[in-house]
Amino acid sequence: MTLLIVSLVLVVLLLLGTSIAVTMGLTGMVYFLLTAGLDYFPMVVTRIFKGMDSFVFICVPLYIMAGDLMNATGLTDRLVNWAKSIVGKLPGSLAQAQLVATAVFGGISGSALGDIAALGTIFIPNLEKEGYGKNFACALTAASAVVDPIIPPSIIIVIYAAVMNTSIGAMYAAAIIPGFLLIFGDMVIVHYLAQKRHYPRRTEPISMRELAAGTRDAVLALIMPLIILGGIFLGVFTPTEAAAVA
């Protein structure tokens, strides 16, 4: 009977359009009330506040704020232009540029949704305009954004390390190579599809002056991941302090 009631509450909340976090929380409370009763309900409130009472969690909104500041100040647009100059004349150059920009942006915000909101609004219309197709543009944006929760400073890694009492710096070090391997794998797939489907590519060569100008304009966005990760790995500051510096 308890399982039936909990399942009904879950389904009703989902049908009403309640957010996933609230749905899971209310469903858990209903199950707790049905099994333990009102006498132990104050424990729920205590556990909720105890779970959030962590100095490490401060860095989560700070990393998100860093990504939002990039959008507000125009650094994201400069990062996109730099990424275009880096990939040069590769097949599917605009799609390749999105993957490069995602890798750098992920080293600042650590949020998949932040990446979609920032880079997706720039690349999806341009990809469609150049003939990549809406399905490909949306799929590429979603696939590339999945890498952001892996590349440090990943918000998911911060939460996991705080809950499991594990070193955030050690987990960051372990996540760098897998994250960039995923980006490289995506670039290989885009290269193959671009040749197979004859997607457009840049025809004129990249000049050193253009590359230098793009790098100069995007230098703030490029050094932010270096400051964050370099400071953590060198022991200059903690992940939370790194988020504040960013």
Protein backbone atom coordinates (compact mmCIF):
# COMPACT_ATOMS: atom_id res chain seq x y z
CA MET A 1 0.00 0.00 0.00
CA THR A 2 2.82 2.36 0.89
CA LEU A 3 4.53 1.73 -2.43
CA LEU A 4 1.28 2.43 -4.29
CA ILE A 5 0.71 5.74 -2.50
CA VAL A 6 4.29 6.88 -3.07
CA SER A 7 4.08 5.93 -6.75
CA LEU A 8 0.82 7.87 -7.16
CA VAL A 9 2.34 10.95 -5.52
CA LEU A 10 5.34 10.72 -7.85
CA VAL A 11 3.20 10.37 -10.98
CA VAL A 12 0.80 13.18 -9.99
CA LEU A 13 3.63 15.61 -9.26
CA LEU A 14 5.32 14.81 -12.57
CA LEU A 15 2.04 15.28 -14.47
CA LEU A 16 1.56 18.65 -12.76
CA GLY A 17 4.92 19.77 -14.13
CA THR A 18 6.67 19.98 -10.78
CA SER A 19 10.45 20.20 -10.99
CA ILE A 20 12.35 16.94 -10.56
CA ALA A 21 14.13 18.10 -7.39
CA VAL A 22 10.88 19.10 -5.65
CA THR A 23 9.15 15.92 -6.84
CA MET A 24 11.88 13.69 -5.43
CA GLY A 25 11.94 15.63 -2.16
CA LEU A 26 8.17 15.52 -1.61
CA THR A 27 7.99 11.86 -2.59
CA GLY A 28 10.72 11.04 -0.10
CA MET A 29 8.91 12.95 2.64
CA VAL A 30 5.65 11.11 1.94
CA TYR A 31 7.45 7.77 2.15
CA PHE A 32 9.14 8.83 5.40
CA LEU A 33 5.82 9.90 6.95
CA LEU A 34 4.11 6.66 5.97
CA THR A 35 6.87 4.45 7.34
CA ALA A 36 8.27 6.37 10.33
CA GLY A 37 5.42 8.69 11.34
CA LEU A 38 5.34 12.29 12.51
CA ASP A 39 7.54 11.68 15.54
CA TYR A 40 10.68 11.41 13.41
CA PHE A 41 9.75 14.11 10.89
CA PRO A 42 12.00 16.79 12.50
CA MET A 43 14.91 14.57 11.48
CA VAL A 44 14.11 15.32 7.82
CA VAL A 45 14.57 19.05 8.33
CA THR A 46 17.77 18.49 10.29
CA ARG A 47 19.22 16.22 7.61
CA ILE A 48 18.36 18.70 4.85
CA PHE A 49 20.17 21.56 6.55
CA LYS A 50 23.08 19.34 7.56
CA GLY A 51 23.47 18.21 3.97
CA MET A 52 23.73 21.81 2.74
CA ASP A 53 25.93 23.00 5.60
CA SER A 54 29.22 22.60 3.75
CA PHE A 55 31.85 25.19 2.89
CA VAL A 56 32.62 23.33 -0.34
CA PHE A 57 29.13 23.91 -1.76
CA ILE A 58 29.80 27.66 -1.92
CA CYS A 59 31.82 27.11 -5.09
CA VAL A 60 28.79 25.75 -7.00
CA PRO A 61 26.98 29.11 -7.46
CA LEU A 62 30.32 30.86 -7.93
CA TYR A 63 31.29 28.70 -10.92
CA ILE A 64 27.84 29.25 -12.43
CA MET A 65 28.22 32.98 -11.84
CA ALA A 66 31.58 32.93 -13.64
CA GLY A 67 29.89 31.45 -16.70
CA ASP A 68 27.08 34.02 -16.54
CA LEU A 69 29.60 36.85 -16.30
CA MET A 70 31.29 35.55 -19.44
CA ASN A 71 27.99 35.83 -21.29
CA ALA A 72 27.17 39.26 -19.90
CA THR A 73 30.58 40.75 -20.73
CA GLY A 74 30.82 39.32 -24.25
CA LEU A 75 33.71 36.96 -23.47
CA THR A 76 31.70 34.05 -24.84
CA ASP A 77 31.53 35.67 -28.28
CA ARG A 78 35.28 36.26 -28.22
CA LEU A 79 35.83 32.65 -27.20
CA VAL A 80 33.74 31.50 -30.16
CA ASN A 81 35.77 33.62 -32.58
CA TRP A 82 39.00 32.23 -31.15
CA ALA A 83 37.73 28.66 -31.50
CA LYS A 84 36.90 29.31 -35.16
CA SER A 85 40.44 30.49 -35.79
CA ILE A 86 41.91 27.43 -34.04
CA VAL A 87 40.11 24.76 -36.07
CA GLY A 88 40.97 26.49 -39.35
CA LYS A 89 40.00 24.54 -42.47
CA LEU A 90 39.02 21.27 -40.79
CA PRO A 91 35.95 19.55 -42.28
CA GLY A 92 32.87 20.84 -40.48
CA SER A 93 34.92 23.74 -39.13
CA LEU A 94 32.01 25.50 -37.41
CA ALA A 95 30.97 22.31 -35.62
CA GLN A 96 34.60 21.69 -34.63
CA ALA A 97 34.77 25.23 -33.28
CA GLN A 98 31.79 24.53 -31.03
CA LEU A 99 33.57 21.52 -29.53
CA VAL A 100 36.72 23.55 -28.85
CA ALA A 101 34.70 26.37 -27.29
CA THR A 102 32.81 23.85 -25.16
CA ALA A 103 36.06 22.45 -23.76
CA VAL A 104 37.21 25.91 -22.68
CA PHE A 105 33.81 27.03 -21.40
CA GLY A 106 33.50 23.80 -19.41
CA GLY A 107 36.76 24.69 -17.68
CA ILE A 108 35.05 27.78 -16.29
CA SER A 109 31.39 27.03 -15.54
CA GLY A 110 31.37 23.24 -15.04
CA SER A 111 27.69 23.20 -16.00
CA ALA A 112 26.09 21.42 -18.97
CA LEU A 113 23.01 23.65 -18.89
CA GLY A 114 25.20 26.74 -18.74
CA ASP A 115 27.06 25.54 -21.82
CA ILE A 116 23.81 24.95 -23.73
CA ALA A 117 22.46 28.37 -22.77
CA ALA A 118 25.67 30.20 -23.63
CA LEU A 119 27.06 28.41 -26.68
CA GLY A 120 23.88 26.80 -27.99
CA THR A 121 22.24 30.16 -28.63
CA ILE A 122 25.27 31.19 -30.68
CA PHE A 123 26.11 28.03 -32.59
CA ILE A 124 22.72 26.44 -33.35
CA PRO A 125 21.43 29.32 -35.53
CA ASN A 126 24.80 29.62 -37.29
CA LEU A 127 25.03 25.87 -37.90
CA GLU A 128 21.55 25.90 -39.42
CA LYS A 129 22.44 28.92 -41.54
CA GLU A 130 25.48 27.13 -42.98
CA GLY A 131 23.44 24.04 -43.87
CA TYR A 132 24.27 21.61 -41.08
CA GLY A 133 20.62 20.97 -40.28
CA LYS A 134 18.71 21.63 -37.08
CA ASN A 135 18.84 18.01 -35.91
CA PHE A 136 22.62 17.88 -36.22
CA ALA A 137 23.05 21.28 -34.56
CA CYS A 138 20.90 20.34 -31.56
CA ALA A 139 22.49 16.90 -31.24
CA LEU A 140 25.99 18.38 -31.36
CA THR A 141 25.12 20.96 -28.71
CA ALA A 142 23.68 18.31 -26.40
CA ALA A 143 26.56 15.87 -26.95
CA SER A 144 29.23 18.51 -26.38
CA ALA A 145 27.51 19.87 -23.26
CA VAL A 146 27.70 16.42 -21.65
CA VAL A 147 31.46 16.90 -21.42
CA ASP A 148 31.19 19.98 -19.19
CA PRO A 149 30.21 18.03 -16.04
CA ILE A 150 33.40 15.99 -16.52
CA ILE A 151 35.98 18.67 -17.33
CA PRO A 152 37.10 20.48 -14.15
CA PRO A 153 35.77 22.54 -12.46
CA SER A 154 32.80 20.18 -12.65
CA ILE A 155 29.89 20.99 -10.35
CA ILE A 156 28.92 17.32 -10.16
CA ILE A 157 32.44 16.41 -9.03
CA VAL A 158 32.28 19.07 -6.31
CA ILE A 159 28.98 17.73 -4.98
CA TYR A 160 30.11 14.10 -5.15
CA ALA A 161 33.42 14.84 -3.43
CA ALA A 162 31.69 16.81 -0.68
CA VAL A 163 29.13 14.07 -0.02
CA MET A 164 31.66 11.22 -0.16
CA ASN A 165 34.36 13.17 1.72
CA THR A 166 36.82 12.78 -1.16
CA SER A 167 39.55 15.14 -2.35
CA ILE A 168 38.15 17.50 -4.99
CA GLY A 169 41.63 18.20 -6.36
CA ALA A 170 42.33 14.49 -6.84
CA MET A 171 39.02 13.97 -8.64
CA TYR A 172 39.71 17.00 -10.84
CA ALA A 173 43.08 15.54 -11.78
CA ALA A 174 41.45 12.21 -12.64
CA ALA A 175 38.75 13.86 -14.79
CA ILE A 176 40.93 15.99 -17.08
CA ILE A 177 42.07 13.25 -19.47
CA PRO A 178 38.64 11.53 -19.82
CA GLY A 179 37.02 14.90 -20.48
CA PHE A 180 39.36 15.85 -23.28
CA LEU A 181 39.23 12.33 -24.72
CA LEU A 182 35.46 12.78 -25.04
CA ILE A 183 35.98 16.09 -26.84
CA PHE A 184 38.53 14.46 -29.15
CA GLY A 185 36.12 11.60 -29.85
CA ASP A 186 33.37 14.08 -30.72
CA MET A 187 35.73 15.90 -33.06
CA VAL A 188 36.57 12.64 -34.84
CA ILE A 189 32.87 11.88 -35.31
CA VAL A 190 32.18 15.39 -36.60
CA HIS A 191 35.14 15.06 -39.00
CA TYR A 192 33.70 11.81 -40.37
CA LEU A 193 30.15 13.12 -40.71
CA ALA A 194 31.33 16.37 -42.28
CA GLN A 195 33.13 14.47 -45.02
CA LYS A 196 30.30 11.99 -45.52
CA ARG A 197 27.55 14.62 -45.66
CA HIS A 198 29.68 17.30 -47.33
CA TYR A 199 29.20 19.88 -44.62
CA PRO A 200 30.74 23.29 -45.37
CA ARG A 201 34.25 24.11 -44.27
CA ARG A 202 36.32 27.26 -44.18
CA THR A 203 38.02 27.85 -47.51
CA GLU A 204 40.42 30.70 -46.80
CA PRO A 205 43.52 29.91 -44.71
CA ILE A 206 43.97 31.23 -41.19
CA SER A 207 46.63 33.91 -40.96
CA MET A 208 48.88 34.23 -37.94
CA ARG A 209 47.65 37.79 -37.51
CA GLU A 210 44.04 36.60 -37.30
CA LEU A 211 44.96 33.84 -34.85
CA ALA A 212 46.93 36.26 -32.68
CA ALA A 213 44.07 38.78 -32.71
CA GLY A 214 41.53 36.12 -31.72
CA THR A 215 43.78 34.87 -28.94
CA ARG A 216 44.33 38.39 -27.64
CA ASP A 217 40.60 39.12 -27.53
CA ALA A 218 39.80 35.84 -25.75
CA VAL A 219 42.78 35.85 -23.40
CA LEU A 220 40.64 36.39 -20.28
CA ALA A 221 38.42 33.42 -21.11
CA LEU A 222 41.47 31.28 -21.88
CA ILE A 223 43.39 32.02 -18.68
CA MET A 224 40.44 31.48 -16.34
CA PRO A 225 40.63 27.64 -16.52
CA LEU A 226 44.41 27.88 -16.06
CA ILE A 227 43.98 30.03 -12.96
CA ILE A 228 41.33 27.73 -11.50
CA LEU A 229 43.05 24.40 -12.13
CA GLY A 230 46.61 25.66 -11.75
CA GLY A 231 45.82 27.25 -8.42
CA ILE A 232 44.15 24.08 -7.13
CA PHE A 233 46.84 21.65 -8.30
CA LEU A 234 49.69 23.88 -7.09
CA GLY A 235 48.05 24.25 -3.69
CA VAL A 236 47.66 28.02 -3.97
CA PHE A 237 43.98 27.91 -3.04
CA THR A 238 41.15 25.47 -2.41
CA PRO A 239 38.42 24.70 -4.99
CA THR A 240 36.08 27.08 -3.17
CA GLU A 241 38.66 29.86 -3.18
CA ALA A 242 39.35 29.10 -6.86
CA ALA A 243 35.67 29.64 -7.62
CA ALA A 244 35.79 33.01 -5.88
CA VAL A 245 38.93 33.98 -7.84
CA ALA A 246 37.25 33.00 -11.12
